[in-house]
Amino acid sequence: MQEYELNVLEQYDVEVSGTRKTRGAVLCDSDQGLLLLKEVKVSEKRIPALYELHEYLNEQGYTRTDRIIQTKEGEYLAASEDGCQYLLKSWFQGRECDIKKPAELLAASGNLAKLHVLMCRSLANSVVPGAHLGEEYLRHNRELKKVRKFMRGISPKGEFESAFLKYFEQMYQWADCAINELENSDYDKIYRESVEKGCMTHGEYNYHNILMLSAEHSHRREPYQIAVTNFEKFKRDVQVEDLYYFLRKVMEKQGWKVRLGDNMLNAYSAIRPLSREEMEYLKVRLIYPEKFWKVANSYYHSNKAWISAKSIEKLSMAIRQTEEKKRFLEDIFSFHL
């Protein structure tokens, strides 16, 4: 056990028998079961509300989340000697949701709907509202134009710059269209209502944060037991943002398979029916070329003298998948650019 781990864990009323490294954290075997120790990257002000959310979900019978364990002094965070802040959380024996298994993706979509039903309430501690989508997209569009202007001034241009400039107009047409669709939708209304009612999003509902647990003790009707972790980016917002994010991540890996996407939406709406406004919202989110913007933004803020093969591959995929996404939007949302 590392000295800093020992120093931090001594602040808790737990007996740890062993530790091992995992992605950006430390797994601990203890007398209270499996725990996870991780350095806090989130604002300290958010932690009391996060603790309250986990406790509330647990009281409602949704017990499979990574609840925060308090120190002996009743604090949410423990500090190491070098001043770094740590969270200790309950954890689960399981594996990440398999993106290649449709049955697991559908179970995870239904599970998200159950979470959303519970996560629509006010907490005693304040929860930050998410950014307004209109403002976010206008900012993204300004950033895309800034990247284009920068690349036009480069000589000679590399593979990345050439591909970006070649397809910029085509991709920007999608970005512009998303803003027009957003302005003609009921987004303002559902955004305002969601924030006022205290409806919360997980903020990062992806397959890394969805753990499939052993089915040994589950009921026959529930083939998968699912634990949801890492709520640190939760906020008050339109809840189907989580569904959009999960769906987009899956579709990018699965080549925008219409049937799978439709089944994921159905699995969610079987538990928490999607309104017309929410379907409209999902459509707008999917129209925006988020991957293209993300790759461009990452390029702009990185060392431009050396562009990794991975960045070129991501840009090519964002451009290539636009046709697949176009078909998806036509089939699911009857949208035509």
C-alpha atoms as a PDB file:
ATOM      1  CA  MET A   1       0.000   0.000   0.000  1.00  0.00           C
ATOM      2  CA  GLN A   2       1.397   3.414  -0.964  1.00  0.00           C
ATOM      3  CA  GLU A   3       2.164   5.849   1.851  1.00  0.00           C
ATOM      4  CA  TYR A   4      -0.349   8.453   0.608  1.00  0.00           C
ATOM      5  CA  GLU A   5      -3.072   5.746   0.426  1.00  0.00           C
ATOM      6  CA  LEU A   6      -2.318   4.710   4.001  1.00  0.00           C
ATOM      7  CA  ASN A   7      -2.343   8.330   5.148  1.00  0.00           C
ATOM      8  CA  VAL A   8      -5.746   8.995   3.523  1.00  0.00           C
ATOM      9  CA  LEU A   9      -7.388   5.693   4.481  1.00  0.00           C
ATOM     10  CA  GLU A  10      -6.399   6.138   8.161  1.00  0.00           C
ATOM     11  CA  GLN A  11      -8.888   9.017   8.236  1.00  0.00           C
ATOM     12  CA  TYR A  12     -11.773   6.551   7.740  1.00  0.00           C
ATOM     13  CA  ASP A  13     -13.375   4.076  10.104  1.00  0.00           C
ATOM     14  CA  VAL A  14     -12.629   1.138   7.779  1.00  0.00           C
ATOM     15  CA  GLU A  15     -10.175  -1.733   7.863  1.00  0.00           C
ATOM     16  CA  VAL A  16      -8.464  -2.168   4.503  1.00  0.00           C
ATOM     17  CA  SER A  17      -6.822  -5.523   3.794  1.00  0.00           C
ATOM     18  CA  GLY A  18      -5.432  -4.729   0.356  1.00  0.00           C
ATOM     19  CA  THR A  19      -5.362  -2.183  -2.479  1.00  0.00           C
ATOM     20  CA  ARG A  20      -4.839  -2.291  -6.252  1.00  0.00           C
ATOM     21  CA  LYS A  21      -4.710   0.325  -8.968  1.00  0.00           C
ATOM     22  CA  THR A  22      -7.559   0.843 -11.413  1.00  0.00           C
ATOM     23  CA  ARG A  23      -8.215   3.616 -13.963  1.00  0.00           C
ATOM     24  CA  GLY A  24      -7.235   6.843 -12.156  1.00  0.00           C
ATOM     25  CA  ALA A  25      -8.126   5.439  -8.721  1.00  0.00           C
ATOM     26  CA  VAL A  26      -7.359   2.792  -6.088  1.00  0.00           C
ATOM     27  CA  LEU A  27      -9.600  -0.207  -5.353  1.00  0.00           C
ATOM     28  CA  CYS A  28      -9.647  -1.217  -1.684  1.00  0.00           C
ATOM     29  CA  ASP A  29     -10.715  -4.550  -0.170  1.00  0.00           C
ATOM     30  CA  SER A  30     -12.171  -3.724   3.234  1.00  0.00           C
ATOM     31  CA  ASP A  31     -14.388  -4.887   6.088  1.00  0.00           C
ATOM     32  CA  GLN A  32     -17.140  -2.804   4.406  1.00  0.00           C
ATOM     33  CA  GLY A  33     -16.752  -4.549   1.044  1.00  0.00           C
ATOM     34  CA  LEU A  34     -15.129  -3.177  -2.089  1.00  0.00           C
ATOM     35  CA  LEU A  35     -14.310   0.563  -1.920  1.00  0.00           C
ATOM     36  CA  LEU A  36     -12.769   3.018  -4.383  1.00  0.00           C
ATOM     37  CA  LEU A  37     -10.443   5.863  -3.445  1.00  0.00           C
ATOM     38  CA  LYS A  38     -10.073   8.636  -6.009  1.00  0.00           C
ATOM     39  CA  GLU A  39      -8.652  12.106  -6.137  1.00  0.00           C
ATOM     40  CA  VAL A  40     -11.353  14.772  -6.402  1.00  0.00           C
ATOM     41  CA  LYS A  41     -11.388  16.716  -9.667  1.00  0.00           C
ATOM     42  CA  VAL A  42     -14.775  18.322  -9.002  1.00  0.00           C
ATOM     43  CA  SER A  43     -15.532  21.546  -7.108  1.00  0.00           C
ATOM     44  CA  GLU A  44     -15.743  20.910  -3.355  1.00  0.00           C
ATOM     45  CA  LYS A  45     -18.969  22.931  -3.229  1.00  0.00           C
ATOM     46  CA  ARG A  46     -20.739  20.218  -5.250  1.00  0.00           C
ATOM     47  CA  ILE A  47     -19.859  17.363  -2.870  1.00  0.00           C
ATOM     48  CA  PRO A  48     -22.619  17.881  -0.222  1.00  0.00           C
ATOM     49  CA  ALA A  49     -25.304  17.809  -2.945  1.00  0.00           C
ATOM     50  CA  LEU A  50     -23.668  14.731  -4.489  1.00  0.00           C
ATOM     51  CA  TYR A  51     -23.694  12.977  -1.087  1.00  0.00           C
ATOM     52  CA  GLU A  52     -27.354  13.953  -0.618  1.00  0.00           C
ATOM     53  CA  LEU A  53     -28.268  12.607  -4.067  1.00  0.00           C
ATOM     54  CA  HIS A  54     -26.682   9.209  -3.369  1.00  0.00           C
ATOM     55  CA  GLU A  55     -28.378   8.936   0.026  1.00  0.00           C
ATOM     56  CA  TYR A  56     -31.739   9.907  -1.482  1.00  0.00           C
ATOM     57  CA  LEU A  57     -31.437   7.306  -4.275  1.00  0.00           C
ATOM     58  CA  ASN A  58     -30.510   4.676  -1.699  1.00  0.00           C
ATOM     59  CA  GLU A  59     -33.580   5.546   0.413  1.00  0.00           C
ATOM     60  CA  GLN A  60     -35.729   5.170  -2.718  1.00  0.00           C
ATOM     61  CA  GLY A  61     -34.437   1.611  -3.197  1.00  0.00           C
ATOM     62  CA  TYR A  62     -31.921   2.485  -5.915  1.00  0.00           C
ATOM     63  CA  THR A  63     -28.996   1.061  -3.951  1.00  0.00           C
ATOM     64  CA  ARG A  64     -26.454   0.357  -6.668  1.00  0.00           C
ATOM     65  CA  THR A  65     -24.574   3.682  -6.862  1.00  0.00           C
ATOM     66  CA  ASP A  66     -21.107   4.583  -5.565  1.00  0.00           C
ATOM     67  CA  ARG A  67     -22.142   6.231  -2.299  1.00  0.00           C
ATOM     68  CA  ILE A  68     -19.684   8.552  -0.571  1.00  0.00           C
ATOM     69  CA  ILE A  69     -18.200   7.292   2.703  1.00  0.00           C
ATOM     70  CA  GLN A  70     -17.566   9.958   5.336  1.00  0.00           C
ATOM     71  CA  THR A  71     -14.362  10.248   7.353  1.00  0.00           C
ATOM     72  CA  LYS A  72     -14.206   9.612  11.109  1.00  0.00           C
ATOM     73  CA  GLU A  73     -14.741  13.373  11.493  1.00  0.00           C
ATOM     74  CA  GLY A  74     -17.895  13.278   9.344  1.00  0.00           C
ATOM     75  CA  GLU A  75     -16.209  14.997   6.385  1.00  0.00           C
ATOM     76  CA  TYR A  76     -16.945  14.113   2.767  1.00  0.00           C
ATOM     77  CA  LEU A  77     -13.328  14.522   1.647  1.00  0.00           C
ATOM     78  CA  ALA A  78      -9.992  13.417   3.068  1.00  0.00           C
ATOM     79  CA  ALA A  79      -6.775  15.348   2.392  1.00  0.00           C
ATOM     80  CA  SER A  80      -3.376  13.760   1.831  1.00  0.00           C
ATOM     81  CA  GLU A  81      -0.180  15.327   3.217  1.00  0.00           C
ATOM     82  CA  ASP A  82       0.483  17.050  -0.125  1.00  0.00           C
ATOM     83  CA  GLY A  83      -2.928  18.758   0.052  1.00  0.00           C
ATOM     84  CA  CYS A  84      -4.728  16.634  -2.568  1.00  0.00           C
ATOM     85  CA  GLN A  85      -8.389  15.889  -1.756  1.00  0.00           C
ATOM     86  CA  TYR A  86      -9.832  12.363  -1.974  1.00  0.00           C
ATOM     87  CA  LEU A  87     -13.241  10.727  -2.008  1.00  0.00           C
ATOM     88  CA  LEU A  88     -13.820   7.224  -0.693  1.00  0.00           C
ATOM     89  CA  LYS A  89     -16.826   5.509  -2.286  1.00  0.00           C
ATOM     90  CA  SER A  90     -18.551   2.142  -2.097  1.00  0.00           C
ATOM     91  CA  TRP A  91     -17.800   0.117  -5.238  1.00  0.00           C
ATOM     92  CA  PHE A  92     -18.935  -3.017  -7.072  1.00  0.00           C
ATOM     93  CA  GLN A  93     -17.533  -6.249  -8.442  1.00  0.00           C
ATOM     94  CA  GLY A  94     -18.547  -6.045 -12.064  1.00  0.00           C
ATOM     95  CA  ARG A  95     -17.441  -5.124 -15.555  1.00  0.00           C
ATOM     96  CA  GLU A  96     -18.201  -2.224 -17.844  1.00  0.00           C
ATOM     97  CA  CYS A  97     -21.308  -2.427 -20.021  1.00  0.00           C
ATOM     98  CA  ASP A  98     -20.335  -4.212 -23.267  1.00  0.00           C
ATOM     99  CA  ILE A  99     -21.027  -1.916 -26.209  1.00  0.00           C
ATOM    100  CA  LYS A 100     -21.116  -4.922 -28.548  1.00  0.00           C
ATOM    101  CA  LYS A 101     -24.015  -6.575 -26.696  1.00  0.00           C
ATOM    102  CA  PRO A 102     -27.401  -5.043 -27.625  1.00  0.00           C
ATOM    103  CA  ALA A 103     -29.147  -6.717 -24.657  1.00  0.00           C
ATOM    104  CA  GLU A 104     -26.840  -4.894 -22.219  1.00  0.00           C
ATOM    105  CA  LEU A 105     -27.324  -1.576 -24.030  1.00  0.00           C
ATOM    106  CA  LEU A 106     -31.107  -1.950 -23.835  1.00  0.00           C
ATOM    107  CA  ALA A 107     -30.899  -2.864 -20.122  1.00  0.00           C
ATOM    108  CA  ALA A 108     -28.718   0.227 -19.552  1.00  0.00           C
ATOM    109  CA  SER A 109     -31.221   2.437 -21.449  1.00  0.00           C
ATOM    110  CA  GLY A 110     -34.094   1.178 -19.270  1.00  0.00           C
ATOM    111  CA  ASN A 111     -31.953   1.642 -16.174  1.00  0.00           C
ATOM    112  CA  LEU A 112     -31.331   5.283 -17.125  1.00  0.00           C
ATOM    113  CA  ALA A 113     -35.086   5.865 -17.344  1.00  0.00           C
ATOM    114  CA  LYS A 114     -35.523   4.469 -13.785  1.00  0.00           C
ATOM    115  CA  LEU A 115     -32.807   6.813 -12.555  1.00  0.00           C
ATOM    116  CA  HIS A 116     -34.412   9.808 -14.246  1.00  0.00           C
ATOM    117  CA  VAL A 117     -37.796   9.114 -12.670  1.00  0.00           C
ATOM    118  CA  LEU A 118     -36.142   9.288  -9.234  1.00  0.00           C
ATOM    119  CA  MET A 119     -33.810  12.188 -10.066  1.00  0.00           C
ATOM    120  CA  CYS A 120     -36.547  14.763 -10.542  1.00  0.00           C
ATOM    121  CA  ARG A 121     -36.753  16.493  -7.168  1.00  0.00           C
ATOM    122  CA  SER A 122     -35.256  19.403  -5.255  1.00  0.00           C
ATOM    123  CA  LEU A 123     -32.348  18.747  -2.912  1.00  0.00           C
ATOM    124  CA  ALA A 124     -31.573  20.699   0.261  1.00  0.00           C
ATOM    125  CA  ASN A 125     -28.138  21.467  -1.214  1.00  0.00           C
ATOM    126  CA  SER A 126     -28.146  23.503  -4.409  1.00  0.00           C
ATOM    127  CA  VAL A 127     -27.341  21.789  -7.712  1.00  0.00           C
ATOM    128  CA  VAL A 128     -25.883  23.828 -10.571  1.00  0.00           C
ATOM    129  CA  PRO A 129     -28.029  24.211 -13.713  1.00  0.00           C
ATOM    130  CA  GLY A 130     -26.579  23.066 -17.040  1.00  0.00           C
ATOM    131  CA  ALA A 131     -25.636  25.576 -19.734  1.00  0.00           C
ATOM    132  CA  HIS A 132     -28.348  26.719 -22.142  1.00  0.00           C
ATOM    133  CA  LEU A 133     -27.939  24.703 -25.343  1.00  0.00           C
ATOM    134  CA  GLY A 134     -28.478  27.694 -27.639  1.00  0.00           C
ATOM    135  CA  GLU A 135     -25.577  29.581 -26.047  1.00  0.00           C
ATOM    136  CA  GLU A 136     -23.412  26.448 -26.125  1.00  0.00           C
ATOM    137  CA  TYR A 137     -23.996  25.840 -29.844  1.00  0.00           C
ATOM    138  CA  LEU A 138     -23.370  29.476 -30.768  1.00  0.00           C
ATOM    139  CA  ARG A 139     -20.061  29.278 -28.886  1.00  0.00           C
ATOM    140  CA  HIS A 140     -19.154  25.986 -30.616  1.00  0.00           C
ATOM    141  CA  ASN A 141     -19.877  27.548 -34.020  1.00  0.00           C
ATOM    142  CA  ARG A 142     -17.649  30.537 -33.249  1.00  0.00           C
ATOM    143  CA  GLU A 143     -14.896  28.105 -32.238  1.00  0.00           C
ATOM    144  CA  LEU A 144     -15.269  26.129 -35.491  1.00  0.00           C
ATOM    145  CA  LYS A 145     -14.890  29.341 -37.531  1.00  0.00           C
ATOM    146  CA  LYS A 146     -11.847  30.341 -35.446  1.00  0.00           C
ATOM    147  CA  VAL A 147     -10.205  26.975 -36.176  1.00  0.00           C
ATOM    148  CA  ARG A 148     -10.944  27.353 -39.903  1.00  0.00           C
ATOM    149  CA  LYS A 149      -9.415  30.857 -39.939  1.00  0.00           C
ATOM    150  CA  PHE A 150      -6.317  29.567 -38.163  1.00  0.00           C
ATOM    151  CA  MET A 151      -5.910  26.612 -40.556  1.00  0.00           C
ATOM    152  CA  ARG A 152      -6.275  28.784 -43.640  1.00  0.00           C
ATOM    153  CA  GLY A 153      -3.195  30.695 -42.503  1.00  0.00           C
ATOM    154  CA  ILE A 154      -1.059  27.560 -42.153  1.00  0.00           C
ATOM    155  CA  SER A 155       1.411  26.648 -44.873  1.00  0.00           C
ATOM    156  CA  PRO A 156       2.093  23.882 -45.696  1.00  0.00           C
ATOM    157  CA  LYS A 157      -1.076  22.146 -44.516  1.00  0.00           C
ATOM    158  CA  GLY A 158      -0.962  18.644 -43.091  1.00  0.00           C
ATOM    159  CA  GLU A 159      -3.417  15.797 -43.557  1.00  0.00           C
ATOM    160  CA  PHE A 160      -5.581  16.940 -40.630  1.00  0.00           C
ATOM    161  CA  GLU A 161      -5.860  20.575 -41.776  1.00  0.00           C
ATOM    162  CA  SER A 162      -6.559  19.584 -45.390  1.00  0.00           C
ATOM    163  CA  ALA A 163      -9.385  17.199 -44.409  1.00  0.00           C
ATOM    164  CA  PHE A 164     -10.896  19.745 -41.993  1.00  0.00           C
ATOM    165  CA  LEU A 165     -10.940  22.545 -44.565  1.00  0.00           C
ATOM    166  CA  LYS A 166     -12.228  20.267 -47.335  1.00  0.00           C
ATOM    167  CA  TYR A 167     -15.279  19.180 -45.318  1.00  0.00           C
ATOM    168  CA  PHE A 168     -15.803  22.308 -43.214  1.00  0.00           C
ATOM    169  CA  GLU A 169     -18.725  23.754 -45.225  1.00  0.00           C
ATOM    170  CA  GLN A 170     -20.547  20.410 -45.277  1.00  0.00           C
ATOM    171  CA  MET A 171     -20.153  19.923 -41.517  1.00  0.00           C
ATOM    172  CA  TYR A 172     -20.929  23.558 -40.689  1.00  0.00           C
ATOM    173  CA  GLN A 173     -24.229  23.201 -42.562  1.00  0.00           C
ATOM    174  CA  TRP A 174     -25.236  20.605 -39.944  1.00  0.00           C
ATOM    175  CA  ALA A 175     -24.148  22.917 -37.103  1.00  0.00           C
ATOM    176  CA  ASP A 176     -26.148  25.817 -38.542  1.00  0.00           C
ATOM    177  CA  CYS A 177     -29.164  23.587 -39.081  1.00  0.00           C
ATOM    178  CA  ALA A 178     -29.071  22.389 -35.433  1.00  0.00           C
ATOM    179  CA  ILE A 179     -29.302  26.010 -34.236  1.00  0.00           C
ATOM    180  CA  ASN A 180     -32.245  26.735 -36.560  1.00  0.00           C
ATOM    181  CA  GLU A 181     -34.054  23.587 -35.393  1.00  0.00           C
ATOM    182  CA  LEU A 182     -33.349  24.509 -31.760  1.00  0.00           C
ATOM    183  CA  GLU A 183     -34.763  28.022 -32.200  1.00  0.00           C
ATOM    184  CA  ASN A 184     -37.956  26.594 -33.716  1.00  0.00           C
ATOM    185  CA  SER A 185     -38.395  23.993 -30.959  1.00  0.00           C
ATOM    186  CA  ASP A 186     -39.849  24.065 -27.435  1.00  0.00           C
ATOM    187  CA  TYR A 187     -36.378  23.728 -25.921  1.00  0.00           C
ATOM    188  CA  ASP A 188     -36.576  26.954 -23.866  1.00  0.00           C
ATOM    189  CA  LYS A 189     -39.736  25.688 -22.192  1.00  0.00           C
ATOM    190  CA  ILE A 190     -38.437  22.214 -21.286  1.00  0.00           C
ATOM    191  CA  TYR A 191     -35.064  23.615 -20.194  1.00  0.00           C
ATOM    192  CA  ARG A 192     -36.726  26.140 -17.861  1.00  0.00           C
ATOM    193  CA  GLU A 193     -39.184  23.556 -16.469  1.00  0.00           C
ATOM    194  CA  SER A 194     -36.433  20.987 -15.887  1.00  0.00           C
ATOM    195  CA  VAL A 195     -34.265  23.466 -13.976  1.00  0.00           C
ATOM    196  CA  GLU A 196     -37.219  24.766 -11.908  1.00  0.00           C
ATOM    197  CA  LYS A 197     -38.433  21.265 -10.973  1.00  0.00           C
ATOM    198  CA  GLY A 198     -34.928  20.178  -9.950  1.00  0.00           C
ATOM    199  CA  CYS A 199     -34.719  17.476 -12.632  1.00  0.00           C
ATOM    200  CA  MET A 200     -31.161  16.169 -12.656  1.00  0.00           C
ATOM    201  CA  THR A 201     -28.914  14.480 -15.188  1.00  0.00           C
ATOM    202  CA  HIS A 202     -26.120  12.024 -14.398  1.00  0.00           C
ATOM    203  CA  GLY A 203     -23.861  14.102 -16.653  1.00  0.00           C
ATOM    204  CA  GLU A 204     -21.667  11.288 -17.954  1.00  0.00           C
ATOM    205  CA  TYR A 205     -23.870   8.242 -18.529  1.00  0.00           C
ATOM    206  CA  ASN A 206     -21.591   6.111 -20.701  1.00  0.00           C
ATOM    207  CA  TYR A 207     -20.520   2.475 -20.746  1.00  0.00           C
ATOM    208  CA  HIS A 208     -17.471   3.191 -18.523  1.00  0.00           C
ATOM    209  CA  ASN A 209     -19.815   4.318 -15.711  1.00  0.00           C
ATOM    210  CA  ILE A 210     -22.345   1.495 -16.147  1.00  0.00           C
ATOM    211  CA  LEU A 211     -21.226  -1.682 -14.373  1.00  0.00           C
ATOM    212  CA  MET A 212     -22.845  -5.036 -15.146  1.00  0.00           C
ATOM    213  CA  LEU A 213     -22.893  -7.070 -11.946  1.00  0.00           C
ATOM    214  CA  SER A 214     -23.082 -10.794 -11.434  1.00  0.00           C
ATOM    215  CA  ALA A 215     -26.599 -12.061 -12.199  1.00  0.00           C
ATOM    216  CA  GLU A 216     -26.384 -14.854  -9.588  1.00  0.00           C
ATOM    217  CA  HIS A 217     -28.660 -13.101  -7.108  1.00  0.00           C
ATOM    218  CA  SER A 218     -30.879 -11.274  -9.588  1.00  0.00           C
ATOM    219  CA  HIS A 219     -34.471 -12.278 -10.351  1.00  0.00           C
ATOM    220  CA  ARG A 220     -35.214 -14.171 -13.547  1.00  0.00           C
ATOM    221  CA  ARG A 221     -37.128 -11.135 -14.807  1.00  0.00           C
ATOM    222  CA  GLU A 222     -34.011  -8.996 -14.307  1.00  0.00           C
ATOM    223  CA  PRO A 223     -31.187 -10.664 -16.265  1.00  0.00           C
ATOM    224  CA  TYR A 224     -28.809  -7.779 -15.546  1.00  0.00           C
ATOM    225  CA  GLN A 225     -28.058  -6.049 -12.289  1.00  0.00           C
ATOM    226  CA  ILE A 226     -26.602  -2.643 -13.060  1.00  0.00           C
ATOM    227  CA  ALA A 227     -24.571  -0.289 -10.895  1.00  0.00           C
ATOM    228  CA  VAL A 228     -24.162   3.344 -11.960  1.00  0.00           C
ATOM    229  CA  THR A 229     -21.034   5.223 -10.904  1.00  0.00           C
ATOM    230  CA  ASN A 230     -19.338   8.625 -11.156  1.00  0.00           C
ATOM    231  CA  PHE A 231     -22.204  11.115 -10.766  1.00  0.00           C
ATOM    232  CA  GLU A 232     -19.708  13.962 -10.255  1.00  0.00           C
ATOM    233  CA  LYS A 233     -20.912  15.867 -13.348  1.00  0.00           C
ATOM    234  CA  PHE A 234     -24.608  15.803 -12.321  1.00  0.00           C
ATOM    235  CA  LYS A 235     -26.623  18.976 -12.828  1.00  0.00           C
ATOM    236  CA  ARG A 236     -30.142  20.351 -13.212  1.00  0.00           C
ATOM    237  CA  ASP A 237     -30.987  20.084 -16.887  1.00  0.00           C
ATOM    238  CA  VAL A 238     -33.173  18.431 -19.528  1.00  0.00           C
ATOM    239  CA  GLN A 239     -32.818  14.818 -18.418  1.00  0.00           C
ATOM    240  CA  VAL A 240     -32.806  13.256 -21.885  1.00  0.00           C
ATOM    241  CA  GLU A 241     -29.400  14.906 -22.375  1.00  0.00           C
ATOM    242  CA  ASP A 242     -28.105  11.712 -20.710  1.00  0.00           C
ATOM    243  CA  LEU A 243     -30.009   9.591 -23.213  1.00  0.00           C
ATOM    244  CA  TYR A 244     -28.616  11.637 -26.125  1.00  0.00           C
ATOM    245  CA  TYR A 245     -25.067  11.274 -24.795  1.00  0.00           C
ATOM    246  CA  PHE A 246     -25.366   7.511 -24.227  1.00  0.00           C
ATOM    247  CA  LEU A 247     -27.085   6.973 -27.588  1.00  0.00           C
ATOM    248  CA  ARG A 248     -24.487   9.035 -29.500  1.00  0.00           C
ATOM    249  CA  LYS A 249     -21.575   7.230 -27.851  1.00  0.00           C
ATOM    250  CA  VAL A 250     -23.079   3.845 -28.718  1.00  0.00           C
ATOM    251  CA  MET A 251     -24.061   4.830 -32.257  1.00  0.00           C
ATOM    252  CA  GLU A 252     -20.564   6.152 -33.027  1.00  0.00           C
ATOM    253  CA  LYS A 253     -19.161   2.750 -32.054  1.00  0.00           C
ATOM    254  CA  GLN A 254     -21.959   0.798 -33.761  1.00  0.00           C
ATOM    255  CA  GLY A 255     -22.068   2.679 -37.084  1.00  0.00           C
ATOM    256  CA  TRP A 256     -25.458   4.335 -36.461  1.00  0.00           C
ATOM    257  CA  LYS A 257     -27.497   1.120 -36.644  1.00  0.00           C
ATOM    258  CA  VAL A 258     -31.106   2.275 -36.946  1.00  0.00           C
ATOM    259  CA  ARG A 259     -32.676  -0.791 -35.344  1.00  0.00           C
ATOM    260  CA  LEU A 260     -30.400  -0.715 -32.299  1.00  0.00           C
ATOM    261  CA  GLY A 261     -30.959   3.029 -31.778  1.00  0.00           C
ATOM    262  CA  ASP A 262     -34.713   2.615 -32.096  1.00  0.00           C
ATOM    263  CA  ASN A 263     -34.663  -0.250 -29.578  1.00  0.00           C
ATOM    264  CA  MET A 264     -32.645   1.832 -27.106  1.00  0.00           C
ATOM    265  CA  LEU A 265     -35.176   4.673 -27.345  1.00  0.00           C
ATOM    266  CA  ASN A 266     -38.020   2.180 -26.871  1.00  0.00           C
ATOM    267  CA  ALA A 267     -36.319   0.566 -23.851  1.00  0.00           C
ATOM    268  CA  TYR A 268     -36.048   4.000 -22.225  1.00  0.00           C
ATOM    269  CA  SER A 269     -39.560   5.197 -23.099  1.00  0.00           C
ATOM    270  CA  ALA A 270     -41.154   1.930 -21.919  1.00  0.00           C
ATOM    271  CA  ILE A 271     -40.251   3.090 -18.378  1.00  0.00           C
ATOM    272  CA  ARG A 272     -40.241   6.868 -18.772  1.00  0.00           C
ATOM    273  CA  PRO A 273     -42.250   7.847 -21.893  1.00  0.00           C
ATOM    274  CA  LEU A 274     -40.558  10.429 -24.114  1.00  0.00           C
ATOM    275  CA  SER A 275     -42.626  13.522 -24.876  1.00  0.00           C
ATOM    276  CA  ARG A 276     -42.784  15.163 -28.323  1.00  0.00           C
ATOM    277  CA  GLU A 277     -40.578  18.007 -27.001  1.00  0.00           C
ATOM    278  CA  GLU A 278     -37.984  15.522 -25.719  1.00  0.00           C
ATOM    279  CA  MET A 279     -37.882  13.672 -29.048  1.00  0.00           C
ATOM    280  CA  GLU A 280     -37.420  17.056 -30.726  1.00  0.00           C
ATOM    281  CA  TYR A 281     -34.570  17.791 -28.306  1.00  0.00           C
ATOM    282  CA  LEU A 282     -32.886  14.445 -29.099  1.00  0.00           C
ATOM    283  CA  LYS A 283     -33.178  15.201 -32.812  1.00  0.00           C
ATOM    284  CA  VAL A 284     -31.507  18.625 -32.408  1.00  0.00           C
ATOM    285  CA  ARG A 285     -28.688  17.162 -30.315  1.00  0.00           C
ATOM    286  CA  LEU A 286     -28.032  14.450 -32.891  1.00  0.00           C
ATOM    287  CA  ILE A 287     -28.072  16.928 -35.805  1.00  0.00           C
ATOM    288  CA  TYR A 288     -25.217  18.949 -34.281  1.00  0.00           C
ATOM    289  CA  PRO A 289     -21.794  17.614 -35.479  1.00  0.00           C
ATOM    290  CA  GLU A 290     -20.477  17.283 -31.929  1.00  0.00           C
ATOM    291  CA  LYS A 291     -17.649  14.886 -32.739  1.00  0.00           C
ATOM    292  CA  PHE A 292     -16.369  17.186 -35.518  1.00  0.00           C
ATOM    293  CA  TRP A 293     -16.429  20.200 -33.156  1.00  0.00           C
ATOM    294  CA  LYS A 294     -14.759  18.200 -30.360  1.00  0.00           C
ATOM    295  CA  VAL A 295     -11.868  17.040 -32.567  1.00  0.00           C
ATOM    296  CA  ALA A 296     -11.388  20.584 -33.947  1.00  0.00           C
ATOM    297  CA  ASN A 297     -11.452  22.124 -30.467  1.00  0.00           C
ATOM    298  CA  SER A 298      -8.969  19.560 -29.167  1.00  0.00           C
ATOM    299  CA  TYR A 299      -6.665  20.322 -32.123  1.00  0.00           C
ATOM    300  CA  TYR A 300      -6.844  24.076 -31.524  1.00  0.00           C
ATOM    301  CA  HIS A 301      -5.814  23.719 -27.862  1.00  0.00           C
ATOM    302  CA  SER A 302      -3.035  21.187 -28.462  1.00  0.00           C
ATOM    303  CA  ASN A 303       0.499  21.135 -29.868  1.00  0.00           C
ATOM    304  CA  LYS A 304      -0.259  21.728 -33.546  1.00  0.00           C
ATOM    305  CA  ALA A 305       3.278  20.926 -34.644  1.00  0.00           C
ATOM    306  CA  TRP A 306       2.504  17.251 -34.117  1.00  0.00           C
ATOM    307  CA  ILE A 307      -0.948  15.886 -34.905  1.00  0.00           C
ATOM    308  CA  SER A 308      -1.451  12.323 -33.699  1.00  0.00           C
ATOM    309  CA  ALA A 309      -2.708   9.591 -36.012  1.00  0.00           C
ATOM    310  CA  LYS A 310      -5.539   9.162 -33.497  1.00  0.00           C
ATOM    311  CA  SER A 311      -6.739  12.751 -34.088  1.00  0.00           C
ATOM    312  CA  ILE A 312      -6.688  12.257 -37.863  1.00  0.00           C
ATOM    313  CA  GLU A 313      -8.622   9.004 -37.429  1.00  0.00           C
ATOM    314  CA  LYS A 314     -11.232  10.695 -35.199  1.00  0.00           C
ATOM    315  CA  LEU A 315     -11.719  13.522 -37.698  1.00  0.00           C
ATOM    316  CA  SER A 316     -12.069  11.072 -40.603  1.00  0.00           C
ATOM    317  CA  MET A 317     -14.624   9.059 -38.628  1.00  0.00           C
ATOM    318  CA  ALA A 318     -16.670  12.170 -37.747  1.00  0.00           C
ATOM    319  CA  ILE A 319     -16.829  13.078 -41.453  1.00  0.00           C
ATOM    320  CA  ARG A 320     -17.402   9.522 -42.682  1.00  0.00           C
ATOM    321  CA  GLN A 321     -20.172   8.756 -40.199  1.00  0.00           C
ATOM    322  CA  THR A 322     -22.193  11.816 -41.238  1.00  0.00           C
ATOM    323  CA  GLU A 323     -23.878   9.826 -44.022  1.00  0.00           C
ATOM    324  CA  GLU A 324     -24.773   7.005 -41.591  1.00  0.00           C
ATOM    325  CA  LYS A 325     -26.093   9.549 -39.091  1.00  0.00           C
ATOM    326  CA  LYS A 326     -28.126  11.224 -41.853  1.00  0.00           C
ATOM    327  CA  ARG A 327     -29.878   7.920 -42.557  1.00  0.00           C
ATOM    328  CA  PHE A 328     -30.461   7.404 -38.820  1.00  0.00           C
ATOM    329  CA  LEU A 329     -32.088  10.856 -38.476  1.00  0.00           C
ATOM    330  CA  GLU A 330     -34.266  10.232 -41.533  1.00  0.00           C
ATOM    331  CA  ASP A 331     -35.470   6.833 -40.292  1.00  0.00           C
ATOM    332  CA  ILE A 332     -35.985   7.650 -36.598  1.00  0.00           C
ATOM    333  CA  PHE A 333     -36.924  11.338 -36.659  1.00  0.00           C
ATOM    334  CA  SER A 334     -38.105  11.855 -40.289  1.00  0.00           C
ATOM    335  CA  PHE A 335     -35.497  14.610 -40.515  1.00  0.00           C
ATOM    336  CA  HIS A 336     -33.997  15.598 -43.892  1.00  0.00           C
ATOM    337  CA  LEU A 337     -31.174  18.102 -44.220  1.00  0.00           C
END
